[in-house]
Structure formats: structure tokens, C-alpha cells
């Protein structure tokens, strides 16, 4: 009875023993040569702007804005999330705040509009 093994036990044993190729290299070594390098191995350090985005605190924000993006931009935002770990909401909140902080003429335009608004 002790010699009866489940299929899962047999597979575990086979996976634990590395197979040797005709060249004398184990399959694990061959696999590691063929795999793509990890992103951390090939990428430069994060740019300062990404560090600023990661450090941006959006935890107290309660208002929501729904944004429609073209397919290419939506794909780019998704890739940005995969590359940096920054979620889309935080990126959007930072980007809008950054836009208004770097272009104060937008705030001036809005203030002038509000002052000239007739109720």
C-alpha cells in the first residue's frame, strides 16, 4: 500500500528532479538562458516624476471624475500601472493637480470667468 502514489505525487517527484539535456545541461539551466530578463534587470531607475507620483497622497480625495480616453492612451496608462505599480486613479489625480500647478494661467482664466458670470 505504501508504494501506491497519486498522480500528483508522481508529478511532484518528476518536477523536483531536473532533466538533463543531451548537452549535459539541466532543463532548468536551459530555461533560464531562454527567458527574458526581469524588468528590474533591464530598466533604468525610476524618473523623478514617477517618484513624485508615487509620493502623491490621494487618500483624502473623495470626488470622482470619469475620464474618457482614446484607446492608445488607455493602453499606455495600463502599461504605466504595470511598470510602476501606480494605479490609474492616483495617476489621474496627480496629473490634473500637476497641470494646474504648472500652468497658473488656467486658474486665472477660471477666476476671470467666475467673476464675469452673471446669475
PDB file of N, CA and C in Angstrom:
ATOM      1  N   UNK A   1       0.820  -1.190   0.000  1.00  0.00           N
ATOM      2  CA  UNK A   1       0.000   0.000   0.000  1.00  0.00           C
ATOM      3  C   UNK A   1       0.864   1.255   0.000  1.00  0.00           C
ATOM      4  N   UNK A   2       2.052   1.208   0.602  1.00  0.00           N
ATOM      5  CA  UNK A   2       2.897   2.384   0.680  1.00  0.00           C
ATOM      6  C   UNK A   2       3.507   2.734  -0.673  1.00  0.00           C
ATOM      7  N   UNK A   3       3.497   1.791  -1.627  1.00  0.00           N
ATOM      8  CA  UNK A   3       4.063   2.059  -2.941  1.00  0.00           C
ATOM      9  C   UNK A   3       3.066   2.698  -3.902  1.00  0.00           C
ATOM     10  N   UNK A   4       1.818   2.771  -3.519  1.00  0.00           N
ATOM     11  CA  UNK A   4       0.816   3.398  -4.361  1.00  0.00           C
ATOM     12  C   UNK A   4       0.925   4.907  -4.186  1.00  0.00           C
ATOM     13  N   UNK A   5       1.139   5.594  -5.321  1.00  0.00           N
ATOM     14  CA  UNK A   5       1.286   7.045  -5.278  1.00  0.00           C
ATOM     15  C   UNK A   5       0.203   7.681  -6.127  1.00  0.00           C
ATOM     16  N   UNK A   6      -0.189   8.816  -5.701  1.00  0.00           N
ATOM     17  CA  UNK A   6      -1.168   9.539  -6.502  1.00  0.00           C
ATOM     18  C   UNK A   6      -0.451  10.161  -7.699  1.00  0.00           C
ATOM     19  N   UNK A   7      -1.216  10.537  -8.664  1.00  0.00           N
ATOM     20  CA  UNK A   7      -0.665  11.191  -9.845  1.00  0.00           C
ATOM     21  C   UNK A   7       0.040  12.488  -9.450  1.00  0.00           C
ATOM     22  N   UNK A   8      -0.513  13.213  -8.496  1.00  0.00           N
ATOM     23  CA  UNK A   8       0.099  14.462  -8.043  1.00  0.00           C
ATOM     24  C   UNK A   8       1.464  14.202  -7.415  1.00  0.00           C
ATOM     25  N   UNK A   9       1.590  13.123  -6.617  1.00  0.00           N
ATOM     26  CA  UNK A   9       2.881  12.787  -6.016  1.00  0.00           C
ATOM     27  C   UNK A   9       3.907  12.450  -7.088  1.00  0.00           C
ATOM     28  N   UNK A  10       3.485  11.724  -8.115  1.00  0.00           N
ATOM     29  CA  UNK A  10       4.393  11.371  -9.202  1.00  0.00           C
ATOM     30  C   UNK A  10       4.868  12.614  -9.955  1.00  0.00           C
ATOM     31  N   UNK A  11       3.945  13.531 -10.202  1.00  0.00           N
ATOM     32  CA  UNK A  11       4.320  14.765 -10.888  1.00  0.00           C
ATOM     33  C   UNK A  11       5.269  15.618 -10.049  1.00  0.00           C
ATOM     34  N   UNK A  12       5.042  15.670  -8.754  1.00  0.00           N
ATOM     35  CA  UNK A  12       5.933  16.434  -7.864  1.00  0.00           C
ATOM     36  C   UNK A  12       7.348  15.881  -7.919  1.00  0.00           C
ATOM     37  N   UNK A  13       7.471  14.544  -7.906  1.00  0.00           N
ATOM     38  CA  UNK A  13       8.792  13.921  -7.970  1.00  0.00           C
ATOM     39  C   UNK A  13       9.477  14.236  -9.290  1.00  0.00           C
ATOM     40  N   UNK A  14       8.736  14.192 -10.387  1.00  0.00           N
ATOM     41  CA  UNK A  14       9.323  14.480 -11.691  1.00  0.00           C
ATOM     42  C   UNK A  14       9.770  15.934 -11.782  1.00  0.00           C
ATOM     43  N   UNK A  15       9.007  16.831 -11.187  1.00  0.00           N
ATOM     44  CA  UNK A  15       9.367  18.246 -11.234  1.00  0.00           C
ATOM     45  C   UNK A  15      10.573  18.533 -10.345  1.00  0.00           C
ATOM     46  N   UNK A  16      10.759  17.772  -9.297  1.00  0.00           N
ATOM     47  CA  UNK A  16      11.864  18.002  -8.375  1.00  0.00           C
ATOM     48  C   UNK A  16      13.198  17.578  -8.971  1.00  0.00           C
ATOM     49  N   UNK A  17      13.182  16.569  -9.851  1.00  0.00           N
ATOM     50  CA  UNK A  17      14.414  16.082 -10.463  1.00  0.00           C
ATOM     51  C   UNK A  17      14.608  16.810 -11.788  1.00  0.00           C
ATOM     52  N   UNK A  18      15.693  17.605 -11.929  1.00  0.00           N
ATOM     53  CA  UNK A  18      15.901  18.302 -13.194  1.00  0.00           C
ATOM     54  C   UNK A  18      16.295  17.321 -14.295  1.00  0.00           C
ATOM     55  N   UNK A  19      15.683  17.490 -15.440  1.00  0.00           N
ATOM     56  CA  UNK A  19      16.012  16.646 -16.582  1.00  0.00           C
ATOM     57  C   UNK A  19      17.314  17.136 -17.194  1.00  0.00           C
ATOM     58  N   UNK A  20      18.132  16.193 -17.681  1.00  0.00           N
ATOM     59  CA  UNK A  20      19.414  16.544 -18.285  1.00  0.00           C
ATOM     60  C   UNK A  20      19.272  16.445 -19.791  1.00  0.00           C
ATOM     61  N   UNK A  21      19.685  17.492 -20.491  1.00  0.00           N
ATOM     62  CA  UNK A  21      19.603  17.514 -21.942  1.00  0.00           C
ATOM     63  C   UNK A  21      20.780  16.751 -22.533  1.00  0.00           C
ATOM     64  N   UNK A  22      20.746  16.473 -23.833  1.00  0.00           N
ATOM     65  CA  UNK A  22      21.865  15.783 -24.476  1.00  0.00           C
ATOM     66  C   UNK A  22      23.179  16.564 -24.347  1.00  0.00           C
ATOM     67  N   UNK A  23      23.105  17.858 -24.138  1.00  0.00           N
ATOM     68  CA  UNK A  23      24.314  18.665 -23.991  1.00  0.00           C
ATOM     69  C   UNK A  23      24.859  18.620 -22.576  1.00  0.00           C
ATOM     70  N   UNK A  24      24.181  17.937 -21.686  1.00  0.00           N
ATOM     71  CA  UNK A  24      24.627  17.817 -20.316  1.00  0.00           C
ATOM     72  C   UNK A  24      24.145  18.937 -19.416  1.00  0.00           C
ATOM     73  N   UNK A  25      23.281  19.787 -19.936  1.00  0.00           N
ATOM     74  CA  UNK A  25      22.747  20.890 -19.136  1.00  0.00           C
ATOM     75  C   UNK A  25      21.364  20.521 -18.666  1.00  0.00           C
ATOM     76  N   UNK A  26      21.033  20.915 -17.452  1.00  0.00           N
ATOM     77  CA  UNK A  26      19.696  20.622 -16.959  1.00  0.00           C
ATOM     78  C   UNK A  26      18.690  21.503 -17.681  1.00  0.00           C
ATOM     79  N   UNK A  27      17.450  21.082 -17.737  1.00  0.00           N
ATOM     80  CA  UNK A  27      16.413  21.858 -18.421  1.00  0.00           C
ATOM     81  C   UNK A  27      16.174  23.184 -17.720  1.00  0.00           C
ATOM     82  N   UNK A  28      16.414  23.237 -16.398  1.00  0.00           N
ATOM     83  CA  UNK A  28      16.235  24.490 -15.676  1.00  0.00           C
ATOM     84  C   UNK A  28      17.269  25.518 -16.127  1.00  0.00           C
ATOM     85  N   UNK A  29      18.505  25.075 -16.390  1.00  0.00           N
ATOM     86  CA  UNK A  29      19.537  25.992 -16.853  1.00  0.00           C
ATOM     87  C   UNK A  29      19.199  26.490 -18.244  1.00  0.00           C
ATOM     88  N   UNK A  30      18.761  25.574 -19.123  1.00  0.00           N
ATOM     89  CA  UNK A  30      18.387  25.979 -20.477  1.00  0.00           C
ATOM     90  C   UNK A  30      17.232  26.964 -20.432  1.00  0.00           C
ATOM     91  N   UNK A  31      16.261  26.701 -19.567  1.00  0.00           N
ATOM     92  CA  UNK A  31      15.098  27.580 -19.461  1.00  0.00           C
ATOM     93  C   UNK A  31      15.518  28.969 -18.999  1.00  0.00           C
ATOM     94  N   UNK A  32      16.450  29.032 -18.047  1.00  0.00           N
ATOM     95  CA  UNK A  32      16.865  30.339 -17.543  1.00  0.00           C
ATOM     96  C   UNK A  32      17.648  31.112 -18.593  1.00  0.00           C
ATOM     97  N   UNK A  33      18.311  30.419 -19.518  1.00  0.00           N
ATOM     98  CA  UNK A  33      19.015  31.116 -20.594  1.00  0.00           C
ATOM     99  C   UNK A  33      18.046  31.702 -21.596  1.00  0.00           C
ATOM    100  N   UNK A  34      16.928  31.035 -21.832  1.00  0.00           N
ATOM    101  CA  UNK A  34      15.967  31.464 -22.841  1.00  0.00           C
ATOM    102  C   UNK A  34      14.953  32.481 -22.334  1.00  0.00           C
ATOM    103  N   UNK A  35      14.824  32.636 -21.043  1.00  0.00           N
ATOM    104  CA  UNK A  35      13.811  33.546 -20.519  1.00  0.00           C
ATOM    105  C   UNK A  35      14.242  34.993 -20.714  1.00  0.00           C
ATOM    106  N   UNK A  36      13.262  35.838 -20.784  1.00  0.00           N
ATOM    107  CA  UNK A  36      13.534  37.273 -20.917  1.00  0.00           C
ATOM    108  C   UNK A  36      14.016  37.811 -19.585  1.00  0.00           C
ATOM    109  N   UNK A  37      14.924  38.789 -19.598  1.00  0.00           N
ATOM    110  CA  UNK A  37      15.384  39.342 -18.335  1.00  0.00           C
ATOM    111  C   UNK A  37      14.268  40.044 -17.592  1.00  0.00           C
ATOM    112  N   UNK A  38      14.348  40.052 -16.275  1.00  0.00           N
ATOM    113  CA  UNK A  38      13.346  40.719 -15.464  1.00  0.00           C
ATOM    114  C   UNK A  38      13.399  42.213 -15.735  1.00  0.00           C
ATOM    115  N   UNK A  39      12.263  42.900 -15.608  1.00  0.00           N
ATOM    116  CA  UNK A  39      12.259  44.344 -15.858  1.00  0.00           C
ATOM    117  C   UNK A  39      13.254  45.098 -14.985  1.00  0.00           C
ATOM    118  N   UNK A  40      13.436  44.677 -13.734  1.00  0.00           N
ATOM    119  CA  UNK A  40      14.357  45.381 -12.847  1.00  0.00           C
ATOM    120  C   UNK A  40      15.794  45.259 -13.333  1.00  0.00           C
ATOM    121  N   UNK A  41      16.107  44.169 -14.065  1.00  0.00           N
ATOM    122  CA  UNK A  41      17.456  43.977 -14.562  1.00  0.00           C
ATOM    123  C   UNK A  41      17.751  44.883 -15.743  1.00  0.00           C
ATOM    124  N   UNK A  42      16.758  45.221 -16.532  1.00  0.00           N
ATOM    125  CA  UNK A  42      16.983  45.953 -17.766  1.00  0.00           C
ATOM    126  C   UNK A  42      16.582  47.417 -17.697  1.00  0.00           C
ATOM    127  N   UNK A  43      15.771  47.806 -16.717  1.00  0.00           N
ATOM    128  CA  UNK A  43      15.253  49.162 -16.688  1.00  0.00           C
ATOM    129  C   UNK A  43      16.158  50.083 -15.893  1.00  0.00           C
ATOM    130  N   UNK A  44      16.155  51.347 -16.298  1.00  0.00           N
ATOM    131  CA  UNK A  44      16.867  52.378 -15.559  1.00  0.00           C
ATOM    132  C   UNK A  44      16.098  52.679 -14.280  1.00  0.00           C
ATOM    133  N   UNK A  45      16.731  53.399 -13.351  1.00  0.00           N
ATOM    134  CA  UNK A  45      15.996  53.800 -12.154  1.00  0.00           C
ATOM    135  C   UNK A  45      14.793  54.663 -12.520  1.00  0.00           C
ATOM    136  N   UNK A  46      13.818  54.692 -11.631  1.00  0.00           N
ATOM    137  CA  UNK A  46      12.597  55.458 -11.884  1.00  0.00           C
ATOM    138  C   UNK A  46      12.911  56.935 -12.054  1.00  0.00           C
ATOM    139  N   UNK A  47      12.297  57.576 -13.042  1.00  0.00           N
ATOM    140  CA  UNK A  47      12.474  59.023 -13.179  1.00  0.00           C
ATOM    141  C   UNK A  47      11.877  59.748 -11.969  1.00  0.00           C
ATOM    142  N   UNK A  48      12.329  60.970 -11.744  1.00  0.00           N
ATOM    143  CA  UNK A  48      11.856  61.751 -10.596  1.00  0.00           C
ATOM    144  C   UNK A  48      10.343  61.929 -10.609  1.00  0.00           C
ATOM    145  N   UNK A  49       9.768  62.124 -11.792  1.00  0.00           N
ATOM    146  CA  UNK A  49       8.319  62.351 -11.877  1.00  0.00           C
ATOM    147  C   UNK A  49       7.557  61.130 -11.362  1.00  0.00           C
ATOM    148  N   UNK A  50       8.065  59.934 -11.627  1.00  0.00           N
ATOM    149  CA  UNK A  50       7.395  58.723 -11.145  1.00  0.00           C
ATOM    150  C   UNK A  50       7.484  58.662  -9.626  1.00  0.00           C
ATOM    151  N   UNK A  51       8.612  59.052  -9.081  1.00  0.00           N
ATOM    152  CA  UNK A  51       8.749  59.101  -7.617  1.00  0.00           C
ATOM    153  C   UNK A  51       7.768  60.112  -7.027  1.00  0.00           C
ATOM    154  N   UNK A  52       7.582  61.245  -7.701  1.00  0.00           N
ATOM    155  CA  UNK A  52       6.627  62.245  -7.231  1.00  0.00           C
ATOM    156  C   UNK A  52       5.201  61.701  -7.278  1.00  0.00           C
ATOM    157  N   UNK A  53       4.873  60.976  -8.339  1.00  0.00           N
ATOM    158  CA  UNK A  53       3.532  60.391  -8.466  1.00  0.00           C
ATOM    159  C   UNK A  53       3.307  59.372  -7.359  1.00  0.00           C
ATOM    160  N   UNK A  54       4.299  58.529  -7.117  1.00  0.00           N
ATOM    161  CA  UNK A  54       4.170  57.528  -6.051  1.00  0.00           C
ATOM    162  C   UNK A  54       4.006  58.190  -4.692  1.00  0.00           C
ATOM    163  N   UNK A  55       4.665  59.331  -4.490  1.00  0.00           N
ATOM    164  CA  UNK A  55       4.588  60.024  -3.219  1.00  0.00           C
ATOM    165  C   UNK A  55       3.350  60.878  -3.054  1.00  0.00           C
ATOM    166  N   UNK A  56       2.577  61.052  -4.119  1.00  0.00           N
ATOM    167  CA  UNK A  56       1.381  61.886  -4.072  1.00  0.00           C
ATOM    168  C   UNK A  56       0.322  61.200  -3.211  1.00  0.00           C
ATOM    169  N   UNK A  57      -0.204  61.924  -2.244  1.00  0.00           N
ATOM    170  CA  UNK A  57      -1.208  61.362  -1.334  1.00  0.00           C
ATOM    171  C   UNK A  57      -2.605  61.726  -1.827  1.00  0.00           C
ATOM    172  N   UNK A  58      -3.304  60.738  -2.321  1.00  0.00           N
ATOM    173  CA  UNK A  58      -4.673  60.959  -2.785  1.00  0.00           C
ATOM    174  C   UNK A  58      -5.679  60.260  -1.876  1.00  0.00           C
ATOM    175  N   UNK A  59      -5.234  59.871  -0.691  1.00  0.00           N
ATOM    176  CA  UNK A  59      -6.106  59.109   0.205  1.00  0.00           C
ATOM    177  C   UNK A  59      -7.287  59.925   0.726  1.00  0.00           C
ATOM    178  N   UNK A  60      -7.124  61.235   0.844  1.00  0.00           N
ATOM    179  CA  UNK A  60      -8.212  62.057   1.366  1.00  0.00           C
ATOM    180  C   UNK A  60      -9.177  62.537   0.299  1.00  0.00           C
ATOM    181  N   UNK A  61      -8.900  62.225  -0.948  1.00  0.00           N
ATOM    182  CA  UNK A  61      -9.757  62.685  -2.050  1.00  0.00           C
ATOM    183  C   UNK A  61     -11.060  61.896  -2.062  1.00  0.00           C
ATOM    184  N   UNK A  62     -12.168  62.612  -2.211  1.00  0.00           N
ATOM    185  CA  UNK A  62     -13.476  61.961  -2.212  1.00  0.00           C
ATOM    186  C   UNK A  62     -14.216  62.138  -3.531  1.00  0.00           C
ATOM    187  N   UNK A  63     -13.924  63.209  -4.264  1.00  0.00           N
ATOM    188  CA  UNK A  63     -14.630  63.481  -5.519  1.00  0.00           C
ATOM    189  C   UNK A  63     -14.110  62.574  -6.631  1.00  0.00           C
ATOM    190  N   UNK A  64     -15.031  62.158  -7.477  1.00  0.00           N
ATOM    191  CA  UNK A  64     -14.664  61.300  -8.605  1.00  0.00           C
ATOM    192  C   UNK A  64     -14.938  62.033  -9.909  1.00  0.00           C
ATOM    193  N   UNK A  65     -14.070  61.844 -10.865  1.00  0.00           N
ATOM    194  CA  UNK A  65     -14.244  62.385 -12.206  1.00  0.00           C
ATOM    195  C   UNK A  65     -14.026  61.230 -13.168  1.00  0.00           C
ATOM    196  N   UNK A  66     -14.955  61.041 -14.069  1.00  0.00           N
ATOM    197  CA  UNK A  66     -14.829  59.981 -15.057  1.00  0.00           C
ATOM    198  C   UNK A  66     -14.242  60.586 -16.320  1.00  0.00           C
ATOM    199  N   UNK A  67     -13.206  59.959 -16.816  1.00  0.00           N
ATOM    200  CA  UNK A  67     -12.484  60.485 -17.970  1.00  0.00           C
ATOM    201  C   UNK A  67     -12.574  59.480 -19.109  1.00  0.00           C
ATOM    202  N   UNK A  68     -12.857  59.979 -20.299  1.00  0.00           N
ATOM    203  CA  UNK A  68     -12.834  59.131 -21.485  1.00  0.00           C
ATOM    204  C   UNK A  68     -11.484  59.294 -22.156  1.00  0.00           C
ATOM    205  N   UNK A  69     -10.821  58.182 -22.406  1.00  0.00           N
ATOM    206  CA  UNK A  69      -9.508  58.192 -23.039  1.00  0.00           C
ATOM    207  C   UNK A  69      -9.581  57.459 -24.369  1.00  0.00           C
ATOM    208  N   UNK A  70      -8.744  57.880 -25.296  1.00  0.00           N
ATOM    209  CA  UNK A  70      -8.650  57.116 -26.540  1.00  0.00           C
ATOM    210  C   UNK A  70      -7.932  55.796 -26.227  1.00  0.00           C
ATOM    211  N   UNK A  71      -8.058  54.853 -27.122  1.00  0.00           N
ATOM    212  CA  UNK A  71      -7.547  53.505 -26.867  1.00  0.00           C
ATOM    213  C   UNK A  71      -6.043  53.491 -26.613  1.00  0.00           C
ATOM    214  N   UNK A  72      -5.303  54.271 -27.351  1.00  0.00           N
ATOM    215  CA  UNK A  72      -3.852  54.284 -27.203  1.00  0.00           C
ATOM    216  C   UNK A  72      -3.439  54.823 -25.827  1.00  0.00           C
ATOM    217  N   UNK A  73      -4.097  55.891 -25.381  1.00  0.00           N
ATOM    218  CA  UNK A  73      -3.781  56.465 -24.071  1.00  0.00           C
ATOM    219  C   UNK A  73      -4.186  55.511 -22.955  1.00  0.00           C
ATOM    220  N   UNK A  74      -5.340  54.875 -23.080  1.00  0.00           N
ATOM    221  CA  UNK A  74      -5.783  53.911 -22.066  1.00  0.00           C
ATOM    222  C   UNK A  74      -4.800  52.751 -21.964  1.00  0.00           C
ATOM    223  N   UNK A  75      -4.309  52.294 -23.095  1.00  0.00           N
ATOM    224  CA  UNK A  75      -3.326  51.213 -23.108  1.00  0.00           C
ATOM    225  C   UNK A  75      -2.031  51.672 -22.438  1.00  0.00           C
ATOM    226  N   UNK A  76      -1.616  52.901 -22.734  1.00  0.00           N
ATOM    227  CA  UNK A  76      -0.401  53.453 -22.141  1.00  0.00           C
ATOM    228  C   UNK A  76      -0.538  53.581 -20.624  1.00  0.00           C
ATOM    229  N   UNK A  77      -1.707  54.015 -20.152  1.00  0.00           N
ATOM    230  CA  UNK A  77      -1.945  54.129 -18.713  1.00  0.00           C
ATOM    231  C   UNK A  77      -1.894  52.748 -18.068  1.00  0.00           C
ATOM    232  N   UNK A  78      -2.448  51.755 -18.730  1.00  0.00           N
ATOM    233  CA  UNK A  78      -2.380  50.383 -18.214  1.00  0.00           C
ATOM    234  C   UNK A  78      -0.952  49.877 -18.135  1.00  0.00           C
ATOM    235  N   UNK A  79      -0.175  50.175 -19.156  1.00  0.00           N
ATOM    236  CA  UNK A  79       1.227  49.764 -19.147  1.00  0.00           C
ATOM    237  C   UNK A  79       2.010  50.518 -18.071  1.00  0.00           C
ATOM    238  N   UNK A  80       1.657  51.796 -17.871  1.00  0.00           N
ATOM    239  CA  UNK A  80       2.301  52.576 -16.818  1.00  0.00           C
ATOM    240  C   UNK A  80       2.032  51.935 -15.460  1.00  0.00           C
ATOM    241  N   UNK A  81       0.806  51.487 -15.265  1.00  0.00           N
ATOM    242  CA  UNK A  81       0.454  50.836 -13.997  1.00  0.00           C
ATOM    243  C   UNK A  81       1.273  49.559 -13.807  1.00  0.00           C
ATOM    244  N   UNK A  82       1.425  48.768 -14.863  1.00  0.00           N
ATOM    245  CA  UNK A  82       2.201  47.536 -14.753  1.00  0.00           C
ATOM    246  C   UNK A  82       3.674  47.830 -14.474  1.00  0.00           C
ATOM    247  N   UNK A  83       4.202  48.871 -15.109  1.00  0.00           N
ATOM    248  CA  UNK A  83       5.629  49.178 -14.982  1.00  0.00           C
ATOM    249  C   UNK A  83       5.974  49.799 -13.634  1.00  0.00           C
ATOM    250  N   UNK A  84       5.060  50.589 -13.067  1.00  0.00           N
ATOM    251  CA  UNK A  84       5.393  51.349 -11.865  1.00  0.00           C
ATOM    252  C   UNK A  84       4.614  50.934 -10.633  1.00  0.00           C
ATOM    253  N   UNK A  85       3.462  50.298 -10.819  1.00  0.00           N
ATOM    254  CA  UNK A  85       2.613  49.946  -9.685  1.00  0.00           C
ATOM    255  C   UNK A  85       1.710  51.076  -9.245  1.00  0.00           C
ATOM    256  N   UNK A  86       1.692  52.177  -9.992  1.00  0.00           N
ATOM    257  CA  UNK A  86       0.842  53.325  -9.657  1.00  0.00           C
ATOM    258  C   UNK A  86      -0.531  53.108 -10.285  1.00  0.00           C
ATOM    259  N   UNK A  87      -1.583  53.158  -9.473  1.00  0.00           N
ATOM    260  CA  UNK A  87      -2.920  52.931 -10.025  1.00  0.00           C
ATOM    261  C   UNK A  87      -3.390  54.135 -10.836  1.00  0.00           C
ATOM    262  N   UNK A  88      -4.376  53.892 -11.675  1.00  0.00           N
ATOM    263  CA  UNK A  88      -4.872  54.894 -12.620  1.00  0.00           C
ATOM    264  C   UNK A  88      -5.475  56.109 -11.914  1.00  0.00           C
ATOM    265  N   UNK A  89      -6.130  55.896 -10.804  1.00  0.00           N
ATOM    266  CA  UNK A  89      -6.781  56.995 -10.084  1.00  0.00           C
ATOM    267  C   UNK A  89      -5.727  57.958  -9.536  1.00  0.00           C
ATOM    268  N   UNK A  90      -4.678  57.396  -8.962  1.00  0.00           N
ATOM    269  CA  UNK A  90      -3.612  58.229  -8.414  1.00  0.00           C
ATOM    270  C   UNK A  90      -2.904  58.983  -9.538  1.00  0.00           C
ATOM    271  N   UNK A  91      -2.667  58.325 -10.661  1.00  0.00           N
ATOM    272  CA  UNK A  91      -2.028  58.978 -11.801  1.00  0.00           C
ATOM    273  C   UNK A  91      -2.884  60.133 -12.309  1.00  0.00           C
ATOM    274  N   UNK A  92      -4.172  59.914 -12.435  1.00  0.00           N
ATOM    275  CA  UNK A  92      -5.075  60.965 -12.903  1.00  0.00           C
ATOM    276  C   UNK A  92      -5.132  62.142 -11.950  1.00  0.00           C
ATOM    277  N   UNK A  93      -5.221  61.861 -10.652  1.00  0.00           N
ATOM    278  CA  UNK A  93      -5.275  62.933  -9.657  1.00  0.00           C
ATOM    279  C   UNK A  93      -3.986  63.753  -9.677  1.00  0.00           C
ATOM    280  N   UNK A  94      -2.857  63.061  -9.757  1.00  0.00           N
ATOM    281  CA  UNK A  94      -1.581  63.764  -9.807  1.00  0.00           C
ATOM    282  C   UNK A  94      -1.467  64.594 -11.083  1.00  0.00           C
ATOM    283  N   UNK A  95      -1.861  64.016 -12.216  1.00  0.00           N
ATOM    284  CA  UNK A  95      -1.724  64.708 -13.498  1.00  0.00           C
ATOM    285  C   UNK A  95      -2.544  65.990 -13.540  1.00  0.00           C
ATOM    286  N   UNK A  96      -3.755  65.948 -13.030  1.00  0.00           N
ATOM    287  CA  UNK A  96      -4.606  67.148 -13.043  1.00  0.00           C
ATOM    288  C   UNK A  96      -4.037  68.209 -12.106  1.00  0.00           C
ATOM    289  N   UNK A  97      -3.609  67.794 -10.912  1.00  0.00           N
ATOM    290  CA  UNK A  97      -3.009  68.745  -9.973  1.00  0.00           C
ATOM    291  C   UNK A  97      -1.738  69.350 -10.578  1.00  0.00           C
ATOM    292  N   UNK A  98      -0.923  68.514 -11.213  1.00  0.00           N
ATOM    293  CA  UNK A  98       0.318  68.967 -11.841  1.00  0.00           C
ATOM    294  C   UNK A  98       0.027  69.958 -12.973  1.00  0.00           C
ATOM    295  N   UNK A  99      -1.006  69.694 -13.752  1.00  0.00           N
ATOM    296  CA  UNK A  99      -1.391  70.585 -14.845  1.00  0.00           C
ATOM    297  C   UNK A  99      -1.726  71.980 -14.310  1.00  0.00           C
ATOM    298  N   UNK A 100      -2.550  72.054 -13.281  1.00  0.00           N
ATOM    299  CA  UNK A 100      -2.946  73.352 -12.738  1.00  0.00           C
ATOM    300  C   UNK A 100      -1.795  74.041 -11.998  1.00  0.00           C
ATOM    301  N   UNK A 101      -0.914  73.267 -11.385  1.00  0.00           N
ATOM    302  CA  UNK A 101       0.224  73.878 -10.686  1.00  0.00           C
ATOM    303  C   UNK A 101       1.269  74.423 -11.658  1.00  0.00           C
ATOM    304  N   UNK A 102       1.459  73.759 -12.780  1.00  0.00           N
ATOM    305  CA  UNK A 102       2.478  74.208 -13.738  1.00  0.00           C
ATOM    306  C   UNK A 102       1.950  75.228 -14.736  1.00  0.00           C
ATOM    307  N   UNK A 103       0.643  75.395 -14.813  1.00  0.00           N
ATOM    308  CA  UNK A 103       0.028  76.373 -15.721  1.00  0.00           C
ATOM    309  C   UNK A 103      -0.954  77.247 -14.945  1.00  0.00           C
ATOM    310  N   UNK A 104      -0.437  78.189 -14.151  1.00  0.00           N
ATOM    311  CA  UNK A 104      -1.319  79.012 -13.329  1.00  0.00           C
ATOM    312  C   UNK A 104      -2.259  79.896 -14.156  1.00  0.00           C
ATOM    313  N   UNK A 105      -1.957  80.086 -15.426  1.00  0.00           N
ATOM    314  CA  UNK A 105      -2.857  80.881 -16.275  1.00  0.00           C
ATOM    315  C   UNK A 105      -4.224  80.223 -16.405  1.00  0.00           C
ATOM    316  N   UNK A 106      -4.294  78.923 -16.223  1.00  0.00           N
ATOM    317  CA  UNK A 106      -5.590  78.238 -16.254  1.00  0.00           C
ATOM    318  C   UNK A 106      -6.454  78.669 -15.064  1.00  0.00           C
ATOM    319  N   UNK A 107      -5.834  78.763 -13.895  1.00  0.00           N
ATOM    320  CA  UNK A 107      -6.577  79.217 -12.705  1.00  0.00           C
ATOM    321  C   UNK A 107      -7.038  80.658 -12.892  1.00  0.00           C
ATOM    322  N   UNK A 108      -6.180  81.492 -13.468  1.00  0.00           N
ATOM    323  CA  UNK A 108      -6.541  82.890 -13.706  1.00  0.00           C
ATOM    324  C   UNK A 108      -7.718  82.978 -14.665  1.00  0.00           C
ATOM    325  N   UNK A 109      -7.705  82.171 -15.704  1.00  0.00           N
ATOM    326  CA  UNK A 109      -8.795  82.144 -16.672  1.00  0.00           C
ATOM    327  C   UNK A 109     -10.104  81.737 -16.003  1.00  0.00           C
ATOM    328  N   UNK A 110     -10.042  80.721 -15.154  1.00  0.00           N
ATOM    329  CA  UNK A 110     -11.238  80.247 -14.443  1.00  0.00           C
ATOM    330  C   UNK A 110     -11.765  81.330 -13.493  1.00  0.00           C
ATOM    331  N   UNK A 111     -10.851  81.989 -12.763  1.00  0.00           N
ATOM    332  CA  UNK A 111     -11.273  83.058 -11.831  1.00  0.00           C
ATOM    333  C   UNK A 111     -11.933  84.206 -12.581  1.00  0.00           C
ATOM    334  N   UNK A 112     -11.366  84.586 -13.711  1.00  0.00           N
ATOM    335  CA  UNK A 112     -11.963  85.661 -14.517  1.00  0.00           C
ATOM    336  C   UNK A 112     -13.346  85.266 -15.027  1.00  0.00           C
ATOM    337  N   UNK A 113     -13.496  84.042 -15.426  1.00  0.00           N
ATOM    338  CA  UNK A 113     -14.791  83.557 -15.901  1.00  0.00           C
ATOM    339  C   UNK A 113     -15.823  83.627 -14.786  1.00  0.00           C
ATOM    340  N   UNK A 114     -15.455  83.182 -13.597  1.00  0.00           N
ATOM    341  CA  UNK A 114     -16.385  83.172 -12.458  1.00  0.00           C
ATOM    342  C   UNK A 114     -16.778  84.600 -12.068  1.00  0.00           C
ATOM    343  N   UNK A 115     -15.814  85.515 -12.090  1.00  0.00           N
ATOM    344  CA  UNK A 115     -16.121  86.914 -11.746  1.00  0.00           C
ATOM    345  C   UNK A 115     -17.074  87.547 -12.746  1.00  0.00           C
ATOM    346  N   UNK A 116     -16.980  87.162 -14.001  1.00  0.00           N
ATOM    347  CA  UNK A 116     -17.836  87.740 -15.045  1.00  0.00           C
ATOM    348  C   UNK A 116     -19.139  86.983 -15.225  1.00  0.00           C
ATOM    349  N   UNK A 117     -19.332  85.952 -14.465  1.00  0.00           N
ATOM    350  CA  UNK A 117     -20.527  85.129 -14.567  1.00  0.00           C
ATOM    351  C   UNK A 117     -21.717  85.878 -13.955  1.00  0.00           C
ATOM    352  N   UNK A 118     -22.779  85.974 -14.704  1.00  0.00           N
ATOM    353  CA  UNK A 118     -23.983  86.629 -14.204  1.00  0.00           C
ATOM    354  C   UNK A 118     -24.993  85.564 -13.786  1.00  0.00           C
ATOM    355  N   UNK A 119     -25.538  85.756 -12.641  1.00  0.00           N
ATOM    356  CA  UNK A 119     -26.538  84.799 -12.167  1.00  0.00           C
ATOM    357  C   UNK A 119     -27.926  85.273 -12.411  1.00  0.00           C
TER     358      UNK A 119
END
